Amino acid sequence: MKLKNSLSPRLLANLYIAIDAVIANRLRSLLTALGIIFGVAAVIAMLAIGNGAQQEILNQIKLVGVNNIVIKPIIEQKDEKVNEKVG
């Protein structure tokens, strides 16, 4: 099998058509590129914020120096409801 060093005529024609379409629709191409850039940047930023928050929480837990953490609800349950379920 022989490899060609040059691009095929069909690929060149398709590339020319694509470049011509991008030049003809400059504003649409610019807005599309901006949308892709902002979308990727937003995903990267959200992942970085999530990882940073996770590390901060883990560091605060290490500062406390306990192995077990008890999480209580903010709203206390009434004793009547708790006793009804137990008894």
Foldseek 3Di string as FASTA:
>chain_A
DDDDPDDDPVVVVVVVVVVVVCVVPVVVNVVVVVVVVVVVVVVVVVVVVVVVVVVVVVVVVVVVPDDDDDDDDPDDDDPVVVVVVVD
